[in-house]
């Protein structure tokens, strides 16, 4: 997974969206630490479905705790 600093991500936002559209996630860092991830919408939908399923199954601590 590619990584980019937040200030560079601002300048290259369109390119990051295009990368996500082509299945390439990107980690966005702030002060050298991961702060966010831009992922393809299909991946986001799958993750959302998993979290909903986990919550419905009554997992202690909510959906996978404090992701």
N, C-alpha and C. Protein backbone atom coordinates (compact mmCIF):
# COMPACT_ATOMS: atom_id res chain seq x y z
N UNK A 1 0.85 -1.17 0.00
CA UNK A 1 0.00 0.00 0.00
C UNK A 1 0.90 1.24 0.00
N UNK A 2 0.59 2.15 -0.87
CA UNK A 2 1.35 3.40 -0.95
C UNK A 2 1.03 4.28 0.25
N UNK A 3 1.98 5.13 0.62
CA UNK A 3 1.81 6.05 1.72
C UNK A 3 2.17 7.45 1.25
N UNK A 4 1.44 8.46 1.76
CA UNK A 4 1.68 9.84 1.35
C UNK A 4 1.40 10.77 2.52
N UNK A 5 2.18 11.82 2.65
CA UNK A 5 1.96 12.79 3.72
C UNK A 5 0.71 13.61 3.40
N UNK A 6 0.05 14.08 4.44
CA UNK A 6 -1.23 14.78 4.28
C UNK A 6 -1.10 16.02 3.39
N UNK A 7 -0.02 16.76 3.52
CA UNK A 7 0.11 17.97 2.69
C UNK A 7 0.24 17.60 1.22
N UNK A 8 0.92 16.48 0.93
CA UNK A 8 1.03 16.02 -0.45
C UNK A 8 -0.30 15.44 -0.95
N UNK A 9 -1.03 14.80 -0.03
CA UNK A 9 -2.33 14.24 -0.40
C UNK A 9 -3.30 15.34 -0.82
N UNK A 10 -3.23 16.48 -0.15
CA UNK A 10 -4.09 17.60 -0.53
C UNK A 10 -3.81 18.03 -1.96
N UNK A 11 -2.54 18.10 -2.30
CA UNK A 11 -2.14 18.56 -3.64
C UNK A 11 -2.43 17.51 -4.71
N UNK A 12 -2.47 16.24 -4.31
CA UNK A 12 -2.65 15.16 -5.29
C UNK A 12 -3.96 14.40 -5.09
N UNK A 13 -4.95 15.08 -4.54
CA UNK A 13 -6.20 14.41 -4.19
C UNK A 13 -6.82 13.68 -5.38
N UNK A 14 -6.89 14.34 -6.53
CA UNK A 14 -7.49 13.70 -7.71
C UNK A 14 -6.76 12.43 -8.09
N UNK A 15 -5.44 12.44 -8.00
CA UNK A 15 -4.65 11.25 -8.32
C UNK A 15 -4.91 10.13 -7.31
N UNK A 16 -5.11 10.49 -6.05
CA UNK A 16 -5.41 9.48 -5.03
C UNK A 16 -6.77 8.85 -5.26
N UNK A 17 -7.73 9.66 -5.67
CA UNK A 17 -9.06 9.13 -5.99
C UNK A 17 -8.95 8.18 -7.19
N UNK A 18 -8.21 8.59 -8.19
CA UNK A 18 -8.03 7.73 -9.37
C UNK A 18 -7.35 6.42 -8.99
N UNK A 19 -6.34 6.48 -8.13
CA UNK A 19 -5.68 5.26 -7.67
C UNK A 19 -6.67 4.34 -6.96
N UNK A 20 -7.51 4.91 -6.11
CA UNK A 20 -8.52 4.11 -5.41
C UNK A 20 -9.50 3.49 -6.40
N UNK A 21 -9.88 4.25 -7.42
CA UNK A 21 -10.79 3.72 -8.44
C UNK A 21 -10.18 2.52 -9.17
N UNK A 22 -8.86 2.47 -9.21
CA UNK A 22 -8.16 1.37 -9.88
C UNK A 22 -7.70 0.30 -8.89
N UNK A 23 -8.25 0.33 -7.68
CA UNK A 23 -7.99 -0.72 -6.70
C UNK A 23 -6.73 -0.56 -5.88
N UNK A 24 -6.15 0.66 -5.88
CA UNK A 24 -4.92 0.89 -5.14
C UNK A 24 -5.18 1.78 -3.92
N UNK A 25 -5.20 1.20 -2.73
CA UNK A 25 -5.41 2.00 -1.52
C UNK A 25 -4.17 2.83 -1.18
N UNK A 26 -4.36 3.91 -0.45
CA UNK A 26 -3.27 4.78 -0.05
C UNK A 26 -3.44 5.16 1.42
N UNK A 27 -2.36 5.01 2.19
CA UNK A 27 -2.34 5.47 3.56
C UNK A 27 -1.91 6.93 3.58
N UNK A 28 -2.65 7.76 4.29
CA UNK A 28 -2.32 9.18 4.43
C UNK A 28 -1.76 9.37 5.84
N UNK A 29 -0.56 9.96 5.90
CA UNK A 29 0.11 10.12 7.19
C UNK A 29 0.14 11.58 7.62
N UNK A 30 0.20 11.77 8.94
CA UNK A 30 0.36 13.09 9.54
C UNK A 30 1.52 12.96 10.53
N UNK A 31 2.52 13.77 10.32
CA UNK A 31 3.71 13.73 11.17
C UNK A 31 4.31 12.32 11.23
N UNK A 32 4.28 11.63 10.09
CA UNK A 32 4.89 10.31 9.98
C UNK A 32 4.07 9.15 10.50
N UNK A 33 2.88 9.44 11.03
CA UNK A 33 2.02 8.36 11.55
C UNK A 33 0.77 8.22 10.70
N UNK A 34 0.31 6.99 10.47
CA UNK A 34 -0.91 6.79 9.68
C UNK A 34 -2.09 7.54 10.30
N UNK A 35 -2.83 8.27 9.47
CA UNK A 35 -3.98 9.03 9.95
C UNK A 35 -5.28 8.60 9.26
N UNK A 36 -5.17 8.14 8.02
CA UNK A 36 -6.35 7.76 7.25
C UNK A 36 -5.93 6.87 6.10
N UNK A 37 -6.92 6.21 5.51
CA UNK A 37 -6.66 5.38 4.34
C UNK A 37 -7.73 5.69 3.30
N UNK A 38 -7.29 5.91 2.06
CA UNK A 38 -8.24 6.06 0.96
C UNK A 38 -8.29 4.70 0.27
N UNK A 39 -9.49 4.11 0.22
CA UNK A 39 -9.65 2.78 -0.36
C UNK A 39 -10.72 2.81 -1.44
N UNK A 40 -10.70 1.81 -2.32
CA UNK A 40 -11.75 1.72 -3.32
C UNK A 40 -13.13 1.58 -2.66
N UNK A 41 -14.15 2.12 -3.29
CA UNK A 41 -15.50 2.09 -2.72
C UNK A 41 -15.99 0.65 -2.49
N UNK A 42 -15.60 -0.27 -3.36
CA UNK A 42 -16.01 -1.66 -3.16
C UNK A 42 -15.45 -2.22 -1.86
N UNK A 43 -14.21 -1.86 -1.54
CA UNK A 43 -13.61 -2.30 -0.27
C UNK A 43 -14.34 -1.67 0.91
N UNK A 44 -14.67 -0.40 0.80
CA UNK A 44 -15.39 0.29 1.88
C UNK A 44 -16.75 -0.36 2.11
N UNK A 45 -17.43 -0.71 1.04
CA UNK A 45 -18.74 -1.36 1.18
C UNK A 45 -18.62 -2.72 1.84
N UNK A 46 -17.58 -3.49 1.46
CA UNK A 46 -17.37 -4.80 2.10
C UNK A 46 -17.07 -4.64 3.58
N UNK A 47 -16.21 -3.68 3.93
CA UNK A 47 -15.90 -3.44 5.35
C UNK A 47 -17.13 -3.03 6.13
N UNK A 48 -17.94 -2.17 5.53
CA UNK A 48 -19.18 -1.72 6.18
C UNK A 48 -20.10 -2.91 6.44
N UNK A 49 -20.24 -3.79 5.45
CA UNK A 49 -21.10 -4.97 5.61
C UNK A 49 -20.57 -5.88 6.72
N UNK A 50 -19.27 -6.04 6.80
CA UNK A 50 -18.67 -6.85 7.86
C UNK A 50 -18.95 -6.24 9.22
N UNK A 51 -18.76 -4.94 9.35
CA UNK A 51 -19.01 -4.26 10.63
C UNK A 51 -20.47 -4.38 11.05
N UNK A 52 -21.38 -4.24 10.10
CA UNK A 52 -22.81 -4.38 10.41
C UNK A 52 -23.09 -5.80 10.89
N UNK A 53 -22.53 -6.79 10.22
CA UNK A 53 -22.74 -8.19 10.60
C UNK A 53 -22.20 -8.45 12.00
N UNK A 54 -21.01 -7.94 12.30
CA UNK A 54 -20.41 -8.13 13.62
C UNK A 54 -21.29 -7.49 14.69
N UNK A 55 -21.78 -6.28 14.42
CA UNK A 55 -22.66 -5.61 15.39
C UNK A 55 -23.95 -6.39 15.60
N UNK A 56 -24.51 -6.93 14.53
CA UNK A 56 -25.76 -7.69 14.64
C UNK A 56 -25.56 -8.99 15.41
N UNK A 57 -24.36 -9.54 15.31
CA UNK A 57 -24.07 -10.79 16.03
C UNK A 57 -23.82 -10.56 17.50
N UNK A 58 -23.77 -9.28 17.92
CA UNK A 58 -23.63 -8.96 19.33
C UNK A 58 -22.23 -9.13 19.89
N UNK A 59 -21.24 -8.81 19.10
CA UNK A 59 -19.87 -8.91 19.56
C UNK A 59 -19.64 -7.95 20.74
N UNK A 60 -19.08 -8.44 21.84
CA UNK A 60 -18.81 -7.54 22.98
C UNK A 60 -17.93 -6.38 22.57
N UNK A 61 -18.23 -5.20 23.05
CA UNK A 61 -17.43 -4.02 22.75
C UNK A 61 -17.79 -3.35 21.44
N UNK A 62 -18.90 -3.76 20.83
CA UNK A 62 -19.28 -3.15 19.56
C UNK A 62 -18.53 -3.77 18.41
N UNK A 63 -18.57 -3.10 17.28
CA UNK A 63 -17.98 -3.62 16.05
C UNK A 63 -16.46 -3.59 16.13
N UNK A 64 -15.88 -4.70 16.50
CA UNK A 64 -14.44 -4.86 16.56
C UNK A 64 -13.76 -3.87 17.49
N UNK A 65 -14.45 -3.46 18.51
CA UNK A 65 -13.86 -2.54 19.49
C UNK A 65 -13.69 -1.15 18.90
N UNK A 66 -12.62 -0.49 19.26
CA UNK A 66 -12.34 0.85 18.78
C UNK A 66 -11.34 0.81 17.64
N UNK A 67 -11.81 0.48 16.46
CA UNK A 67 -10.91 0.46 15.31
C UNK A 67 -10.27 1.79 15.21
